[in-house]
PDB file of N, CA and C in Angstrom:
ATOM      1  N   MET A   1     108.856 110.333 121.477  1.00  0.00           N
ATOM      2  CA  MET A   1     107.733 110.307 120.528  1.00  0.00           C
ATOM      3  C   MET A   1     107.192 111.728 120.344  1.00  0.00           C
ATOM      4  N   ASN A   2     106.929 112.057 119.080  1.00  0.00           N
ATOM      5  CA  ASN A   2     106.397 113.388 118.788  1.00  0.00           C
ATOM      6  C   ASN A   2     104.868 113.321 118.772  1.00  0.00           C
ATOM      7  N   TRP A   3     104.238 113.956 119.763  1.00  0.00           N
ATOM      8  CA  TRP A   3     102.772 113.874 119.884  1.00  0.00           C
ATOM      9  C   TRP A   3     102.074 114.513 118.693  1.00  0.00           C
ATOM     10  N   GLN A   4     102.677 115.579 118.116  1.00  0.00           N
ATOM     11  CA  GLN A   4     102.054 116.215 116.950  1.00  0.00           C
ATOM     12  C   GLN A   4     102.001 115.240 115.786  1.00  0.00           C
ATOM     13  N   LYS A   5     103.101 114.508 115.592  1.00  0.00           N
ATOM     14  CA  LYS A   5     103.154 113.543 114.488  1.00  0.00           C
ATOM     15  C   LYS A   5     102.113 112.448 114.699  1.00  0.00           C
ATOM     16  N   ILE A   6     101.971 111.978 115.936  1.00  0.00           N
ATOM     17  CA  ILE A   6     100.988 110.937 116.241  1.00  0.00           C
ATOM     18  C   ILE A   6      99.572 111.464 115.995  1.00  0.00           C
ATOM     19  N   ALA A   7      99.304 112.686 116.426  1.00  0.00           N
ATOM     20  CA  ALA A   7      97.966 113.264 116.263  1.00  0.00           C
ATOM     21  C   ALA A   7      97.625 113.415 114.784  1.00  0.00           C
ATOM     22  N   VAL A   8      98.581 113.905 113.986  1.00  0.00           N
ATOM     23  CA  VAL A   8      98.334 114.095 112.553  1.00  0.00           C
ATOM     24  C   VAL A   8      98.112 112.751 111.872  1.00  0.00           C
ATOM     25  N   THR A   9      98.933 111.748 112.229  1.00  0.00           N
ATOM     26  CA  THR A   9      98.783 110.417 111.628  1.00  0.00           C
ATOM     27  C   THR A   9      97.420 109.836 111.978  1.00  0.00           C
ATOM     28  N   PHE A  10      97.005 109.982 113.239  1.00  0.00           N
ATOM     29  CA  PHE A  10      95.711 109.461 113.676  1.00  0.00           C
ATOM     30  C   PHE A  10      94.576 110.163 112.940  1.00  0.00           C
ATOM     31  N   LEU A  11      94.711 111.496 112.760  1.00  0.00           N
ATOM     32  CA  LEU A  11      93.680 112.267 112.071  1.00  0.00           C
ATOM     33  C   LEU A  11      93.540 111.798 110.629  1.00  0.00           C
ATOM     34  N   PHE A  12      94.688 111.607 109.947  1.00  0.00           N
ATOM     35  CA  PHE A  12      94.638 111.145 108.555  1.00  0.00           C
ATOM     36  C   PHE A  12      94.033 109.749 108.478  1.00  0.00           C
ATOM     37  N   LEU A  13      94.363 108.894 109.452  1.00  0.00           N
ATOM     38  CA  LEU A  13      93.830 107.531 109.462  1.00  0.00           C
ATOM     39  C   LEU A  13      92.312 107.562 109.616  1.00  0.00           C
ATOM     40  N   MET A  14      91.809 108.394 110.528  1.00  0.00           N
ATOM     41  CA  MET A  14      90.371 108.498 110.740  1.00  0.00           C
ATOM     42  C   MET A  14      89.678 109.040 109.495  1.00  0.00           C
ATOM     43  N   MET A  15      90.294 110.039 108.836  1.00  0.00           N
ATOM     44  CA  MET A  15      89.706 110.604 107.617  1.00  0.00           C
ATOM     45  C   MET A  15      89.677 109.561 106.514  1.00  0.00           C
ATOM     46  N   ALA A  16      90.737 108.743 106.421  1.00  0.00           N
ATOM     47  CA  ALA A  16      90.801 107.704 105.388  1.00  0.00           C
ATOM     48  C   ALA A  16      89.704 106.668 105.629  1.00  0.00           C
ATOM     49  N   LEU A  17      89.556 106.236 106.892  1.00  0.00           N
ATOM     50  CA  LEU A  17      88.526 105.246 107.222  1.00  0.00           C
ATOM     51  C   LEU A  17      87.136 105.828 106.978  1.00  0.00           C
ATOM     52  N   GLY A  18      86.940 107.088 107.355  1.00  0.00           N
ATOM     53  CA  GLY A  18      85.647 107.737 107.147  1.00  0.00           C
ATOM     54  C   GLY A  18      85.346 107.865 105.660  1.00  0.00           C
ATOM     55  N   GLY A  19      86.379 108.194 104.865  1.00  0.00           N
ATOM     56  CA  GLY A  19      86.189 108.330 103.418  1.00  0.00           C
ATOM     57  C   GLY A  19      85.808 107.002 102.799  1.00  0.00           C
ATOM     58  N   ILE A  20      86.518 105.937 103.203  1.00  0.00           N
ATOM     59  CA  ILE A  20      86.223 104.604 102.669  1.00  0.00           C
ATOM     60  C   ILE A  20      84.809 104.195 103.079  1.00  0.00           C
ATOM     61  N   GLY A  21      84.460 104.435 104.327  1.00  0.00           N
ATOM     62  CA  GLY A  21      83.127 104.083 104.814  1.00  0.00           C
ATOM     63  C   GLY A  21      82.053 104.842 104.044  1.00  0.00           C
ATOM     64  N   GLY A  22      82.308 106.123 103.748  1.00  0.00           N
ATOM     65  CA  GLY A  22      81.347 106.931 102.999  1.00  0.00           C
ATOM     66  C   GLY A  22      81.159 106.391 101.594  1.00  0.00           C
ATOM     67  N   VAL A  23      82.273 106.013 100.947  1.00  0.00           N
ATOM     68  CA  VAL A  23      82.199 105.476  99.580  1.00  0.00           C
ATOM     69  C   VAL A  23      81.426 104.164  99.573  1.00  0.00           C
ATOM     70  N   VAL A  24      81.724 103.290 100.549  1.00  0.00           N
ATOM     71  CA  VAL A  24      81.033 102.000 100.631  1.00  0.00           C
ATOM     72  C   VAL A  24      79.545 102.218 100.886  1.00  0.00           C
ATOM     73  N   LEU A  25      79.224 103.107 101.817  1.00  0.00           N
ATOM     74  CA  LEU A  25      77.821 103.375 102.140  1.00  0.00           C
ATOM     75  C   LEU A  25      77.086 103.917 100.922  1.00  0.00           C
ATOM     76  N   THR A  26      77.725 104.846 100.182  1.00  0.00           N
ATOM     77  CA  THR A  26      77.115 105.407  98.974  1.00  0.00           C
ATOM     78  C   THR A  26      76.902 104.316  97.937  1.00  0.00           C
ATOM     79  N   GLY A  27      77.898 103.437  97.780  1.00  0.00           N
ATOM     80  CA  GLY A  27      77.794 102.346  96.806  1.00  0.00           C
ATOM     81  C   GLY A  27      76.639 101.419  97.148  1.00  0.00           C
ATOM     82  N   TYR A  28      76.520 101.045  98.414  1.00  0.00           N
ATOM     83  CA  TYR A  28      75.424 100.162  98.825  1.00  0.00           C
ATOM     84  C   TYR A  28      74.072 100.840  98.612  1.00  0.00           C
ATOM     85  N   THR A  29      73.998 102.148  98.913  1.00  0.00           N
ATOM     86  CA  THR A  29      72.740 102.883  98.736  1.00  0.00           C
ATOM     87  C   THR A  29      72.328 102.887  97.273  1.00  0.00           C
ATOM     88  N   ILE A  30      73.299 103.144  96.366  1.00  0.00           N
ATOM     89  CA  ILE A  30      73.000 103.157  94.926  1.00  0.00           C
ATOM     90  C   ILE A  30      72.543 101.770  94.475  1.00  0.00           C
ATOM     91  N   LEU A  31      73.224 100.726  94.955  1.00  0.00           N
ATOM     92  CA  LEU A  31      72.860  99.363  94.557  1.00  0.00           C
ATOM     93  C   LEU A  31      71.455  99.008  95.040  1.00  0.00           C
ATOM     94  N   LEU A  32      71.123  99.419  96.271  1.00  0.00           N
ATOM     95  CA  LEU A  32      69.813  99.079  96.818  1.00  0.00           C
ATOM     96  C   LEU A  32      68.697  99.838  96.104  1.00  0.00           C
ATOM     97  N   ARG A  33      68.986 101.075  95.648  1.00  0.00           N
ATOM     98  CA  ARG A  33      67.942 101.885  95.008  1.00  0.00           C
ATOM     99  C   ARG A  33      67.751 101.517  93.550  1.00  0.00           C
ATOM    100  N   SER A  34      68.762 100.927  92.900  1.00  0.00           N
ATOM    101  CA  SER A  34      68.650 100.628  91.473  1.00  0.00           C
ATOM    102  C   SER A  34      68.016  99.257  91.225  1.00  0.00           C
TER     103      SER A  34
END
């Protein structure tokens, strides 16, 4: 197993989840304020 490949994949996965969470949080905030 290539640890670099695992680390990069994990990093991208965390960034993707964080991005989705940020978009959802922003959407809920806009809905609650409008």
